[in-house]
Amino acid sequence: MVAAFEGAKSRVAAQADFHRAVSLGVTGFPTLLAVDGDRVAALAHGHATAEEVDRRLAALRTH
């Protein structure tokens, strides 16, 4: 099973995922993003309460 993660195909896929994350503005883990078409907004970097996430989502709806 470990061999599946060590192959070139897995390495290329992981690299593509990291590049995608960077292009979306991810700078750490965990990150929660709201994606609406081409628009991407960070809802949380690191720990956030449900109330904080709800407040940020509500703010996105008003813009």
C-alpha atoms as a PDB file:
ATOM      1  CA  MET A   1       0.000   0.000   0.000  1.00  0.00           C
ATOM      2  CA  VAL A   2       2.814   2.460   0.835  1.00  0.00           C
ATOM      3  CA  ALA A   3       4.330   1.909  -2.613  1.00  0.00           C
ATOM      4  CA  ALA A   4       1.263   3.564  -4.173  1.00  0.00           C
ATOM      5  CA  PHE A   5       2.180   6.813  -2.414  1.00  0.00           C
ATOM      6  CA  GLU A   6       5.836   6.660  -3.413  1.00  0.00           C
ATOM      7  CA  GLY A   7       5.352   6.396  -7.173  1.00  0.00           C
ATOM      8  CA  ALA A   8       5.865   9.174  -9.713  1.00  0.00           C
ATOM      9  CA  LYS A   9       2.143   9.371 -10.454  1.00  0.00           C
ATOM     10  CA  SER A  10       1.337  10.090  -6.801  1.00  0.00           C
ATOM     11  CA  ARG A  11       4.130  12.649  -6.578  1.00  0.00           C
ATOM     12  CA  VAL A  12       2.837  14.498  -9.667  1.00  0.00           C
ATOM     13  CA  ALA A  13      -0.737  14.434  -8.347  1.00  0.00           C
ATOM     14  CA  ALA A  14       0.337  15.758  -4.937  1.00  0.00           C
ATOM     15  CA  GLN A  15       2.384  18.512  -6.567  1.00  0.00           C
ATOM     16  CA  ALA A  16      -0.624  19.535  -8.677  1.00  0.00           C
ATOM     17  CA  ASP A  17      -2.771  19.660  -5.527  1.00  0.00           C
ATOM     18  CA  PHE A  18      -0.224  21.863  -3.748  1.00  0.00           C
ATOM     19  CA  HIS A  19      -0.038  24.240  -6.730  1.00  0.00           C
ATOM     20  CA  ARG A  20      -3.845  24.451  -6.826  1.00  0.00           C
ATOM     21  CA  ALA A  21      -3.970  25.193  -3.104  1.00  0.00           C
ATOM     22  CA  VAL A  22      -1.400  27.976  -3.471  1.00  0.00           C
ATOM     23  CA  SER A  23      -3.300  29.469  -6.415  1.00  0.00           C
ATOM     24  CA  LEU A  24      -6.416  29.606  -4.219  1.00  0.00           C
ATOM     25  CA  GLY A  25      -4.562  31.472  -1.477  1.00  0.00           C
ATOM     26  CA  VAL A  26      -4.101  28.614   0.966  1.00  0.00           C
ATOM     27  CA  THR A  27      -1.250  29.400   3.318  1.00  0.00           C
ATOM     28  CA  GLY A  28      -1.779  26.796   6.024  1.00  0.00           C
ATOM     29  CA  PHE A  29      -3.849  23.936   7.311  1.00  0.00           C
ATOM     30  CA  PRO A  30      -6.713  23.890   7.883  1.00  0.00           C
ATOM     31  CA  THR A  31      -8.108  26.422   5.437  1.00  0.00           C
ATOM     32  CA  LEU A  32     -11.786  26.686   4.551  1.00  0.00           C
ATOM     33  CA  LEU A  33     -12.641  28.381   1.265  1.00  0.00           C
ATOM     34  CA  ALA A  34     -15.907  29.474  -0.310  1.00  0.00           C
ATOM     35  CA  VAL A  35     -15.775  29.070  -4.089  1.00  0.00           C
ATOM     36  CA  ASP A  36     -18.387  30.666  -6.342  1.00  0.00           C
ATOM     37  CA  GLY A  37     -17.366  30.343  -9.977  1.00  0.00           C
ATOM     38  CA  ASP A  38     -14.068  32.199 -10.290  1.00  0.00           C
ATOM     39  CA  ARG A  39     -14.509  33.947  -6.940  1.00  0.00           C
ATOM     40  CA  VAL A  40     -12.664  32.436  -3.973  1.00  0.00           C
ATOM     41  CA  ALA A  41     -12.893  33.763  -0.423  1.00  0.00           C
ATOM     42  CA  ALA A  42     -11.212  32.429   2.687  1.00  0.00           C
ATOM     43  CA  LEU A  43     -13.665  31.619   5.457  1.00  0.00           C
ATOM     44  CA  ALA A  44     -11.065  30.354   7.895  1.00  0.00           C
ATOM     45  CA  HIS A  45      -7.309  29.994   8.202  1.00  0.00           C
ATOM     46  CA  GLY A  46      -6.595  27.710  11.115  1.00  0.00           C
ATOM     47  CA  HIS A  47      -9.170  27.383  13.868  1.00  0.00           C
ATOM     48  CA  ALA A  48     -12.494  29.180  13.454  1.00  0.00           C
ATOM     49  CA  THR A  49     -15.770  28.727  15.252  1.00  0.00           C
ATOM     50  CA  ALA A  50     -18.971  27.925  13.401  1.00  0.00           C
ATOM     51  CA  GLU A  51     -20.202  31.414  14.280  1.00  0.00           C
ATOM     52  CA  GLU A  52     -17.126  33.015  12.693  1.00  0.00           C
ATOM     53  CA  VAL A  53     -17.581  30.988   9.519  1.00  0.00           C
ATOM     54  CA  ASP A  54     -21.306  31.840   9.411  1.00  0.00           C
ATOM     55  CA  ARG A  55     -20.512  35.547   9.849  1.00  0.00           C
ATOM     56  CA  ARG A  56     -17.954  35.454   7.024  1.00  0.00           C
ATOM     57  CA  LEU A  57     -20.394  33.616   4.748  1.00  0.00           C
ATOM     58  CA  ALA A  58     -23.085  36.194   5.494  1.00  0.00           C
ATOM     59  CA  ALA A  59     -20.659  38.994   4.670  1.00  0.00           C
ATOM     60  CA  LEU A  60     -19.940  37.369   1.298  1.00  0.00           C
ATOM     61  CA  ARG A  61     -23.647  37.260   0.482  1.00  0.00           C
ATOM     62  CA  THR A  62     -23.984  41.017   1.015  1.00  0.00           C
ATOM     63  CA  HIS A  63     -21.170  41.848  -1.433  1.00  0.00           C
END
